[in-house]
PDB file of N, CA and C in Angstrom:
ATOM      1  N   UNK A   1    -111.295  40.711 -84.914  1.00  0.00           N
ATOM      2  CA  UNK A   1    -112.224  41.710 -85.387  1.00  0.00           C
ATOM      3  C   UNK A   1    -112.052  42.994 -84.576  1.00  0.00           C
ATOM      4  N   UNK A   2    -112.511  44.081 -85.158  1.00  0.00           N
ATOM      5  CA  UNK A   2    -112.425  45.394 -84.519  1.00  0.00           C
ATOM      6  C   UNK A   2    -113.823  45.988 -84.366  1.00  0.00           C
ATOM      7  N   UNK A   3    -114.018  46.719 -83.293  1.00  0.00           N
ATOM      8  CA  UNK A   3    -115.201  47.554 -83.158  1.00  0.00           C
ATOM      9  C   UNK A   3    -114.732  49.001 -83.165  1.00  0.00           C
ATOM     10  N   UNK A   4    -115.634  49.889 -83.551  1.00  0.00           N
ATOM     11  CA  UNK A   4    -115.293  51.314 -83.599  1.00  0.00           C
ATOM     12  C   UNK A   4    -116.079  52.063 -82.542  1.00  0.00           C
ATOM     13  N   UNK A   5    -115.372  52.911 -81.822  1.00  0.00           N
ATOM     14  CA  UNK A   5    -115.993  53.818 -80.860  1.00  0.00           C
ATOM     15  C   UNK A   5    -115.673  55.239 -81.300  1.00  0.00           C
ATOM     16  N   UNK A   6    -116.671  56.103 -81.222  1.00  0.00           N
ATOM     17  CA  UNK A   6    -116.461  57.521 -81.481  1.00  0.00           C
ATOM     18  C   UNK A   6    -116.546  58.221 -80.136  1.00  0.00           C
ATOM     19  N   UNK A   7    -115.451  58.850 -79.741  1.00  0.00           N
ATOM     20  CA  UNK A   7    -115.383  59.580 -78.478  1.00  0.00           C
ATOM     21  C   UNK A   7    -115.554  61.063 -78.765  1.00  0.00           C
ATOM     22  N   UNK A   8    -116.461  61.688 -78.073  1.00  0.00           N
ATOM     23  CA  UNK A   8    -116.655  63.128 -78.209  1.00  0.00           C
ATOM     24  C   UNK A   8    -116.058  63.791 -76.988  1.00  0.00           C
ATOM     25  N   UNK A   9    -115.109  64.668 -77.206  1.00  0.00           N
ATOM     26  CA  UNK A   9    -114.394  65.310 -76.108  1.00  0.00           C
ATOM     27  C   UNK A   9    -114.364  66.820 -76.289  1.00  0.00           C
ATOM     28  N   UNK A  10    -114.279  67.506 -75.167  1.00  0.00           N
ATOM     29  CA  UNK A  10    -114.175  68.952 -75.161  1.00  0.00           C
ATOM     30  C   UNK A  10    -112.711  69.335 -75.029  1.00  0.00           C
ATOM     31  N   UNK A  11    -112.278  70.317 -75.825  1.00  0.00           N
ATOM     32  CA  UNK A  11    -110.883  70.740 -75.703  1.00  0.00           C
ATOM     33  C   UNK A  11    -110.637  71.477 -74.390  1.00  0.00           C
ATOM     34  N   UNK A  12    -111.710  71.865 -73.707  1.00  0.00           N
ATOM     35  CA  UNK A  12    -111.551  72.477 -72.387  1.00  0.00           C
ATOM     36  C   UNK A  12    -111.097  71.438 -71.368  1.00  0.00           C
ATOM     37  N   UNK A  13    -111.526  70.194 -71.553  1.00  0.00           N
ATOM     38  CA  UNK A  13    -111.161  69.106 -70.637  1.00  0.00           C
ATOM     39  C   UNK A  13    -109.892  68.411 -71.112  1.00  0.00           C
ATOM     40  N   UNK A  14    -109.808  68.143 -72.412  1.00  0.00           N
ATOM     41  CA  UNK A  14    -108.653  67.449 -72.990  1.00  0.00           C
ATOM     42  C   UNK A  14    -108.137  68.246 -74.188  1.00  0.00           C
ATOM     43  N   UNK A  15    -107.305  69.253 -73.928  1.00  0.00           N
ATOM     44  CA  UNK A  15    -106.788  70.076 -75.033  1.00  0.00           C
ATOM     45  C   UNK A  15    -106.022  69.261 -76.075  1.00  0.00           C
ATOM     46  N   UNK A  16    -105.365  68.203 -75.638  1.00  0.00           N
ATOM     47  CA  UNK A  16    -104.658  67.312 -76.552  1.00  0.00           C
ATOM     48  C   UNK A  16    -105.579  66.124 -76.830  1.00  0.00           C
ATOM     49  N   UNK A  17    -105.989  65.955 -78.075  1.00  0.00           N
ATOM     50  CA  UNK A  17    -106.947  64.905 -78.424  1.00  0.00           C
ATOM     51  C   UNK A  17    -106.439  63.513 -78.062  1.00  0.00           C
ATOM     52  N   UNK A  18    -105.138  63.333 -77.967  1.00  0.00           N
ATOM     53  CA  UNK A  18    -104.592  62.029 -77.552  1.00  0.00           C
ATOM     54  C   UNK A  18    -105.042  61.661 -76.145  1.00  0.00           C
ATOM     55  N   UNK A  19    -105.347  62.654 -75.325  1.00  0.00           N
ATOM     56  CA  UNK A  19    -105.762  62.405 -73.952  1.00  0.00           C
ATOM     57  C   UNK A  19    -107.249  62.087 -73.825  1.00  0.00           C
ATOM     58  N   UNK A  20    -107.982  62.167 -74.907  1.00  0.00           N
ATOM     59  CA  UNK A  20    -109.413  61.848 -74.910  1.00  0.00           C
ATOM     60  C   UNK A  20    -109.577  60.328 -74.790  1.00  0.00           C
ATOM     61  N   UNK A  21    -110.284  59.889 -73.744  1.00  0.00           N
ATOM     62  CA  UNK A  21    -110.509  58.460 -73.503  1.00  0.00           C
ATOM     63  C   UNK A  21    -111.989  58.217 -73.223  1.00  0.00           C
ATOM     64  N   UNK A  22    -112.353  56.952 -73.103  1.00  0.00           N
ATOM     65  CA  UNK A  22    -113.739  56.615 -72.746  1.00  0.00           C
ATOM     66  C   UNK A  22    -114.104  57.183 -71.391  1.00  0.00           C
ATOM     67  N   UNK A  23    -113.120  57.350 -70.527  1.00  0.00           N
ATOM     68  CA  UNK A  23    -113.389  57.827 -69.170  1.00  0.00           C
ATOM     69  C   UNK A  23    -113.663  59.327 -69.095  1.00  0.00           C
ATOM     70  N   UNK A  24    -113.083  60.128 -70.003  1.00  0.00           N
ATOM     71  CA  UNK A  24    -113.282  61.573 -69.910  1.00  0.00           C
ATOM     72  C   UNK A  24    -114.055  62.161 -71.090  1.00  0.00           C
ATOM     73  N   UNK A  25    -114.548  61.331 -71.983  1.00  0.00           N
ATOM     74  CA  UNK A  25    -115.340  61.810 -73.120  1.00  0.00           C
ATOM     75  C   UNK A  25    -116.710  62.280 -72.643  1.00  0.00           C
ATOM     76  N   UNK A  26    -117.252  63.276 -73.331  1.00  0.00           N
ATOM     77  CA  UNK A  26    -118.595  63.757 -72.989  1.00  0.00           C
ATOM     78  C   UNK A  26    -119.656  62.811 -73.533  1.00  0.00           C
ATOM     79  N   UNK A  27    -119.307  62.034 -74.568  1.00  0.00           N
ATOM     80  CA  UNK A  27    -120.203  61.013 -75.116  1.00  0.00           C
ATOM     81  C   UNK A  27    -119.359  59.948 -75.801  1.00  0.00           C
ATOM     82  N   UNK A  28    -119.860  58.729 -75.773  1.00  0.00           N
ATOM     83  CA  UNK A  28    -119.200  57.604 -76.451  1.00  0.00           C
ATOM     84  C   UNK A  28    -120.249  56.912 -77.303  1.00  0.00           C
ATOM     85  N   UNK A  29    -119.977  56.804 -78.591  1.00  0.00           N
ATOM     86  CA  UNK A  29    -120.891  56.138 -79.517  1.00  0.00           C
ATOM     87  C   UNK A  29    -120.227  54.886 -80.052  1.00  0.00           C
ATOM     88  N   UNK A  30    -120.945  53.766 -80.013  1.00  0.00           N
ATOM     89  CA  UNK A  30    -120.424  52.534 -80.601  1.00  0.00           C
ATOM     90  C   UNK A  30    -120.996  52.414 -82.004  1.00  0.00           C
ATOM     91  N   UNK A  31    -120.133  52.268 -82.963  1.00  0.00           N
ATOM     92  CA  UNK A  31    -120.546  52.128 -84.350  1.00  0.00           C
ATOM     93  C   UNK A  31    -121.053  50.702 -84.549  1.00  0.00           C
ATOM     94  N   UNK A  32    -122.238  50.534 -85.152  1.00  0.00           N
ATOM     95  CA  UNK A  32    -122.748  49.174 -85.380  1.00  0.00           C
ATOM     96  C   UNK A  32    -121.815  48.371 -86.286  1.00  0.00           C
ATOM     97  N   UNK A  33    -121.646  47.112 -85.958  1.00  0.00           N
ATOM     98  CA  UNK A  33    -120.858  46.217 -86.792  1.00  0.00           C
ATOM     99  C   UNK A  33    -119.467  45.970 -86.259  1.00  0.00           C
ATOM    100  N   UNK A  34    -118.803  45.017 -86.892  1.00  0.00           N
ATOM    101  CA  UNK A  34    -117.407  44.702 -86.591  1.00  0.00           C
ATOM    102  C   UNK A  34    -116.634  44.769 -87.897  1.00  0.00           C
ATOM    103  N   UNK A  35    -115.359  45.069 -87.797  1.00  0.00           N
ATOM    104  CA  UNK A  35    -114.554  45.329 -88.984  1.00  0.00           C
ATOM    105  C   UNK A  35    -113.278  44.507 -88.939  1.00  0.00           C
ATOM    106  N   UNK A  36    -112.852  44.044 -90.107  1.00  0.00           N
ATOM    107  CA  UNK A  36    -111.669  43.207 -90.186  1.00  0.00           C
ATOM    108  C   UNK A  36    -110.384  43.977 -90.426  1.00  0.00           C
ATOM    109  N   UNK A  37    -110.496  45.251 -90.761  1.00  0.00           N
ATOM    110  CA  UNK A  37    -109.313  46.037 -91.108  1.00  0.00           C
ATOM    111  C   UNK A  37    -109.422  47.420 -90.470  1.00  0.00           C
ATOM    112  N   UNK A  38    -108.320  47.952 -89.928  1.00  0.00           N
ATOM    113  CA  UNK A  38    -108.365  49.272 -89.284  1.00  0.00           C
ATOM    114  C   UNK A  38    -108.885  50.387 -90.198  1.00  0.00           C
ATOM    115  N   UNK A  39    -108.541  50.352 -91.477  1.00  0.00           N
ATOM    116  CA  UNK A  39    -109.007  51.402 -92.391  1.00  0.00           C
ATOM    117  C   UNK A  39    -110.526  51.357 -92.533  1.00  0.00           C
ATOM    118  N   UNK A  40    -111.088  50.172 -92.628  1.00  0.00           N
ATOM    119  CA  UNK A  40    -112.548  50.035 -92.718  1.00  0.00           C
ATOM    120  C   UNK A  40    -113.205  50.522 -91.436  1.00  0.00           C
ATOM    121  N   UNK A  41    -112.595  50.219 -90.311  1.00  0.00           N
ATOM    122  CA  UNK A  41    -113.099  50.656 -89.008  1.00  0.00           C
ATOM    123  C   UNK A  41    -113.166  52.184 -88.951  1.00  0.00           C
ATOM    124  N   UNK A  42    -112.091  52.850 -89.326  1.00  0.00           N
ATOM    125  CA  UNK A  42    -112.030  54.315 -89.295  1.00  0.00           C
ATOM    126  C   UNK A  42    -113.018  54.945 -90.270  1.00  0.00           C
ATOM    127  N   UNK A  43    -113.080  54.418 -91.478  1.00  0.00           N
ATOM    128  CA  UNK A  43    -113.978  54.990 -92.485  1.00  0.00           C
ATOM    129  C   UNK A  43    -115.438  54.836 -92.092  1.00  0.00           C
ATOM    130  N   UNK A  44    -115.803  53.667 -91.569  1.00  0.00           N
ATOM    131  CA  UNK A  44    -117.190  53.447 -91.159  1.00  0.00           C
ATOM    132  C   UNK A  44    -117.562  54.318 -89.969  1.00  0.00           C
ATOM    133  N   UNK A  45    -116.625  54.526 -89.062  1.00  0.00           N
ATOM    134  CA  UNK A  45    -116.887  55.384 -87.899  1.00  0.00           C
ATOM    135  C   UNK A  45    -117.111  56.826 -88.339  1.00  0.00           C
ATOM    136  N   UNK A  46    -116.312  57.309 -89.276  1.00  0.00           N
ATOM    137  CA  UNK A  46    -116.491  58.670 -89.781  1.00  0.00           C
ATOM    138  C   UNK A  46    -117.836  58.820 -90.482  1.00  0.00           C
ATOM    139  N   UNK A  47    -118.200  57.839 -91.286  1.00  0.00           N
ATOM    140  CA  UNK A  47    -119.482  57.887 -91.988  1.00  0.00           C
ATOM    141  C   UNK A  47    -120.641  57.829 -90.993  1.00  0.00           C
ATOM    142  N   UNK A  48    -120.509  56.985 -89.981  1.00  0.00           N
ATOM    143  CA  UNK A  48    -121.549  56.873 -88.953  1.00  0.00           C
ATOM    144  C   UNK A  48    -121.736  58.199 -88.225  1.00  0.00           C
ATOM    145  N   UNK A  49    -120.646  58.817 -87.823  1.00  0.00           N
ATOM    146  CA  UNK A  49    -120.729  60.091 -87.111  1.00  0.00           C
ATOM    147  C   UNK A  49    -121.371  61.161 -87.987  1.00  0.00           C
ATOM    148  N   UNK A  50    -121.032  61.191 -89.253  1.00  0.00           N
ATOM    149  CA  UNK A  50    -121.583  62.197 -90.160  1.00  0.00           C
ATOM    150  C   UNK A  50    -123.100  62.074 -90.298  1.00  0.00           C
ATOM    151  N   UNK A  51    -123.624  60.873 -90.088  1.00  0.00           N
ATOM    152  CA  UNK A  51    -125.061  60.648 -90.220  1.00  0.00           C
ATOM    153  C   UNK A  51    -125.835  60.948 -88.945  1.00  0.00           C
ATOM    154  N   UNK A  52    -125.148  61.192 -87.848  1.00  0.00           N
ATOM    155  CA  UNK A  52    -125.840  61.436 -86.586  1.00  0.00           C
ATOM    156  C   UNK A  52    -126.137  62.923 -86.404  1.00  0.00           C
ATOM    157  N   UNK A  53    -127.116  63.199 -85.560  1.00  0.00           N
ATOM    158  CA  UNK A  53    -127.437  64.595 -85.258  1.00  0.00           C
ATOM    159  C   UNK A  53    -126.347  65.227 -84.398  1.00  0.00           C
ATOM    160  N   UNK A  54    -125.588  64.411 -83.691  1.00  0.00           N
ATOM    161  CA  UNK A  54    -124.523  64.925 -82.827  1.00  0.00           C
ATOM    162  C   UNK A  54    -123.477  65.671 -83.647  1.00  0.00           C
ATOM    163  N   UNK A  55    -123.172  65.170 -84.823  1.00  0.00           N
ATOM    164  CA  UNK A  55    -122.168  65.814 -85.672  1.00  0.00           C
ATOM    165  C   UNK A  55    -122.570  67.234 -86.047  1.00  0.00           C
ATOM    166  N   UNK A  56    -123.853  67.480 -86.128  1.00  0.00           N
ATOM    167  CA  UNK A  56    -124.341  68.801 -86.515  1.00  0.00           C
ATOM    168  C   UNK A  56    -124.467  69.743 -85.320  1.00  0.00           C
ATOM    169  N   UNK A  57    -124.301  69.200 -84.121  1.00  0.00           N
ATOM    170  CA  UNK A  57    -124.443  70.000 -82.906  1.00  0.00           C
ATOM    171  C   UNK A  57    -123.107  70.293 -82.229  1.00  0.00           C
ATOM    172  N   UNK A  58    -122.000  69.987 -82.907  1.00  0.00           N
ATOM    173  CA  UNK A  58    -120.678  70.250 -82.344  1.00  0.00           C
ATOM    174  C   UNK A  58    -120.505  71.742 -82.094  1.00  0.00           C
ATOM    175  N   UNK A  59    -119.904  72.058 -80.972  1.00  0.00           N
ATOM    176  CA  UNK A  59    -119.510  73.441 -80.739  1.00  0.00           C
ATOM    177  C   UNK A  59    -118.051  73.585 -81.181  1.00  0.00           C
ATOM    178  N   UNK A  60    -117.546  74.789 -81.121  1.00  0.00           N
ATOM    179  CA  UNK A  60    -116.150  75.012 -81.499  1.00  0.00           C
ATOM    180  C   UNK A  60    -115.176  74.322 -80.550  1.00  0.00           C
ATOM    181  N   UNK A  61    -115.648  73.954 -79.363  1.00  0.00           N
ATOM    182  CA  UNK A  61    -114.799  73.305 -78.363  1.00  0.00           C
ATOM    183  C   UNK A  61    -114.842  71.780 -78.428  1.00  0.00           C
ATOM    184  N   UNK A  62    -115.691  71.215 -79.275  1.00  0.00           N
ATOM    185  CA  UNK A  62    -115.844  69.765 -79.347  1.00  0.00           C
ATOM    186  C   UNK A  62    -114.952  69.156 -80.414  1.00  0.00           C
ATOM    187  N   UNK A  63    -114.462  67.963 -80.117  1.00  0.00           N
ATOM    188  CA  UNK A  63    -113.660  67.193 -81.062  1.00  0.00           C
ATOM    189  C   UNK A  63    -114.111  65.743 -81.000  1.00  0.00           C
ATOM    190  N   UNK A  64    -113.955  65.052 -82.117  1.00  0.00           N
ATOM    191  CA  UNK A  64    -114.294  63.628 -82.177  1.00  0.00           C
ATOM    192  C   UNK A  64    -113.016  62.829 -82.389  1.00  0.00           C
ATOM    193  N   UNK A  65    -112.962  61.699 -81.711  1.00  0.00           N
ATOM    194  CA  UNK A  65    -111.821  60.793 -81.849  1.00  0.00           C
ATOM    195  C   UNK A  65    -112.379  59.396 -82.103  1.00  0.00           C
ATOM    196  N   UNK A  66    -111.841  58.711 -83.082  1.00  0.00           N
ATOM    197  CA  UNK A  66    -112.261  57.351 -83.385  1.00  0.00           C
ATOM    198  C   UNK A  66    -111.248  56.386 -82.786  1.00  0.00           C
ATOM    199  N   UNK A  67    -111.757  55.401 -82.084  1.00  0.00           N
ATOM    200  CA  UNK A  67    -110.918  54.357 -81.503  1.00  0.00           C
ATOM    201  C   UNK A  67    -111.393  53.028 -82.069  1.00  0.00           C
ATOM    202  N   UNK A  68    -110.486  52.284 -82.648  1.00  0.00           N
ATOM    203  CA  UNK A  68    -110.788  50.936 -83.126  1.00  0.00           C
ATOM    204  C   UNK A  68    -110.162  49.957 -82.141  1.00  0.00           C
ATOM    205  N   UNK A  69    -111.006  49.139 -81.532  1.00  0.00           N
ATOM    206  CA  UNK A  69    -110.545  48.224 -80.488  1.00  0.00           C
ATOM    207  C   UNK A  69    -110.776  46.780 -80.914  1.00  0.00           C
ATOM    208  N   UNK A  70    -109.847  45.939 -80.554  1.00  0.00           N
ATOM    209  CA  UNK A  70    -109.997  44.501 -80.835  1.00  0.00           C
ATOM    210  C   UNK A  70    -111.080  43.910 -79.947  1.00  0.00           C
ATOM    211  N   UNK A  71    -111.738  42.915 -80.471  1.00  0.00           N
ATOM    212  CA  UNK A  71    -112.771  42.228 -79.707  1.00  0.00           C
ATOM    213  C   UNK A  71    -112.323  40.819 -79.368  1.00  0.00           C
ATOM    214  N   UNK A  72    -112.776  40.360 -78.230  1.00  0.00           N
ATOM    215  CA  UNK A  72    -112.579  38.970 -77.824  1.00  0.00           C
ATOM    216  C   UNK A  72    -113.962  38.466 -77.434  1.00  0.00           C
ATOM    217  N   UNK A  73    -114.452  37.470 -78.169  1.00  0.00           N
ATOM    218  CA  UNK A  73    -115.772  36.911 -77.895  1.00  0.00           C
ATOM    219  C   UNK A  73    -116.839  38.000 -77.871  1.00  0.00           C
ATOM    220  N   UNK A  74    -116.738  38.971 -78.767  1.00  0.00           N
ATOM    221  CA  UNK A  74    -117.745  40.008 -78.872  1.00  0.00           C
ATOM    222  C   UNK A  74    -117.580  41.184 -77.920  1.00  0.00           C
ATOM    223  N   UNK A  75    -116.568  41.169 -77.066  1.00  0.00           N
ATOM    224  CA  UNK A  75    -116.370  42.256 -76.131  1.00  0.00           C
ATOM    225  C   UNK A  75    -115.065  42.985 -76.467  1.00  0.00           C
ATOM    226  N   UNK A  76    -115.115  44.289 -76.352  1.00  0.00           N
ATOM    227  CA  UNK A  76    -113.917  45.089 -76.651  1.00  0.00           C
ATOM    228  C   UNK A  76    -112.930  44.984 -75.508  1.00  0.00           C
ATOM    229  N   UNK A  77    -111.663  44.855 -75.861  1.00  0.00           N
ATOM    230  CA  UNK A  77    -110.600  44.895 -74.850  1.00  0.00           C
ATOM    231  C   UNK A  77    -110.297  46.345 -74.538  1.00  0.00           C
ATOM    232  N   UNK A  78    -110.022  46.606 -73.330  1.00  0.00           N
ATOM    233  CA  UNK A  78    -109.650  47.970 -72.910  1.00  0.00           C
ATOM    234  C   UNK A  78    -108.193  48.163 -73.000  1.00  0.00           C
TER     235      UNK A  78
END
């Protein structure tokens, strides 16, 4: 199974979105639920973010990155 994390990063800290991680993100949101397919994980994370107030408060320097991580016994692997 997969869990989805939405990482919010500033381009001032991580100009390349690939460098955005849980360690340097300004916020990390865990999307409720687990997903069996990467496409479902990504789509649900995007929909979840769109429903939050955070999505409406983005500045021009903010970017969102979705990470789908495998779970083992309910815990995400790093």
